[in-house]
Amino acid sequence: MQPWQYYQPESVHHEFLQKLVPGDHIDLLKYDTTIKKAYWSRAEIIRRNVGSLDLQFLKDTRGQSRVVDEDSMELAPVGTRSTDFEWRLELKVGDLVDCC
């Protein structure tokens, strides 16, 4: 995906953000400092503050959480950026996975 493909029209992004409530799932950019990479993942809204959102990544063994400005372009409607996430929800001990 090219950098310009991450852009969302302002009106669509604004409408999506206005409807978010705690418990909703969204796509959120996640930064892995170990491998120095940013990628899209899924997160749950924990709390809505004035101008920001408290978020917790789903299925994250490190319990990563973030506070993000509510108008951030690092937020997207669920399933629009992290298009291959669902299989992670079904992982269980003993499953084989390929990783980097």
Protein backbone atom coordinates (compact mmCIF):
# COMPACT_ATOMS: atom_id res chain seq x y z
CA MET A 1 0.00 0.00 0.00
CA GLN A 2 1.34 3.43 -0.90
CA PRO A 3 1.43 6.27 1.69
CA TRP A 4 -1.27 8.28 -0.08
CA GLN A 5 -3.64 5.31 0.16
CA TYR A 6 -3.83 5.79 3.95
CA TYR A 7 -5.60 9.12 3.48
CA GLN A 8 -9.32 9.19 4.21
CA PRO A 9 -11.55 12.05 3.07
CA GLU A 10 -12.06 14.43 6.00
CA SER A 11 -15.87 14.21 6.00
CA VAL A 12 -15.87 10.39 6.14
CA HIS A 13 -13.21 10.36 8.86
CA HIS A 14 -15.07 12.97 10.93
CA GLU A 15 -18.41 11.10 10.78
CA PHE A 16 -16.73 7.85 11.79
CA LEU A 17 -15.01 9.49 14.77
CA GLN A 18 -18.14 11.18 16.08
CA LYS A 19 -19.94 7.83 16.48
CA LEU A 20 -17.24 6.08 18.51
CA VAL A 21 -18.09 4.96 22.05
CA PRO A 22 -16.26 2.84 24.65
CA GLY A 23 -16.32 -0.83 23.65
CA ASP A 24 -16.18 -0.10 19.90
CA HIS A 25 -13.41 -1.72 17.88
CA ILE A 26 -11.35 0.26 15.40
CA ASP A 27 -8.26 -0.13 13.23
CA LEU A 28 -5.27 1.66 14.76
CA LEU A 29 -1.65 2.06 13.69
CA LYS A 30 0.60 0.07 15.99
CA TYR A 31 4.31 0.78 16.39
CA ASP A 32 6.65 -2.09 17.17
CA THR A 33 9.92 -0.65 18.46
CA THR A 34 11.62 -4.06 18.46
CA ILE A 35 11.39 -4.53 14.69
CA LYS A 36 11.04 -0.79 13.99
CA LYS A 37 7.84 -1.16 12.02
CA ALA A 38 4.40 0.42 11.98
CA TYR A 39 1.39 -1.64 10.94
CA TRP A 40 -2.39 -1.62 11.25
CA SER A 41 -3.99 -3.63 14.03
CA ARG A 42 -7.27 -3.71 15.97
CA ALA A 43 -8.00 -1.87 19.18
CA GLU A 44 -10.89 -1.34 21.55
CA ILE A 45 -11.93 2.07 22.81
CA ILE A 46 -11.57 2.09 26.59
CA ARG A 47 -12.49 5.71 27.28
CA ARG A 48 -13.44 8.78 25.30
CA ASN A 49 -11.86 11.97 26.65
CA VAL A 50 -12.20 15.54 25.47
CA GLY A 51 -10.15 15.49 22.29
CA SER A 52 -8.59 12.03 22.72
CA LEU A 53 -9.33 8.32 22.97
CA ASP A 54 -7.84 5.73 25.35
CA LEU A 55 -7.31 2.54 23.32
CA GLN A 56 -6.25 -1.04 24.09
CA PHE A 57 -4.93 -3.29 21.31
CA LEU A 58 -6.83 -6.58 20.91
CA LYS A 59 -5.04 -9.89 21.48
CA ASP A 60 -1.85 -8.14 22.55
CA THR A 61 0.10 -10.20 25.07
CA ARG A 62 2.02 -7.10 26.17
CA GLY A 63 -1.20 -5.26 26.99
CA GLN A 64 -0.23 -2.32 24.83
CA SER A 65 -2.46 0.70 25.10
CA ARG A 66 -2.35 4.17 23.57
CA VAL A 67 -3.92 7.56 23.98
CA VAL A 68 -4.60 9.05 20.54
CA ASP A 69 -6.01 12.40 19.45
CA GLU A 70 -9.59 11.81 18.32
CA ASP A 71 -8.90 13.43 14.94
CA SER A 72 -5.78 11.34 14.28
CA MET A 73 -5.30 9.77 10.87
CA GLU A 74 -3.92 6.74 12.75
CA LEU A 75 -7.54 5.70 13.39
CA ALA A 76 -9.76 3.99 10.81
CA PRO A 77 -13.08 2.14 10.79
CA VAL A 78 -12.72 -1.49 11.85
CA GLY A 79 -11.74 -3.81 9.00
CA THR A 80 -10.67 -1.07 6.59
CA ARG A 81 -6.92 -1.22 7.30
CA SER A 82 -6.33 -4.44 9.28
CA THR A 83 -7.96 -6.72 6.77
CA ASP A 84 -6.36 -9.98 7.96
CA PHE A 85 -6.98 -9.79 11.71
CA GLU A 86 -9.81 -12.25 12.39
CA TRP A 87 -7.65 -15.42 12.38
CA ARG A 88 -5.73 -14.01 15.37
CA LEU A 89 -8.88 -14.08 17.48
CA GLU A 90 -9.09 -17.86 17.07
CA LEU A 91 -5.46 -18.67 18.04
CA LYS A 92 -4.97 -21.13 20.86
CA VAL A 93 -2.04 -22.81 22.58
CA GLY A 94 -0.43 -25.37 20.25
CA ASP A 95 -1.36 -23.63 16.97
CA LEU A 96 1.46 -23.20 14.45
CA VAL A 97 2.07 -19.73 13.02
CA ASP A 98 4.58 -18.17 10.68
CA CYS A 99 6.27 -15.05 12.02
CA CYS A 100 9.16 -12.75 11.28
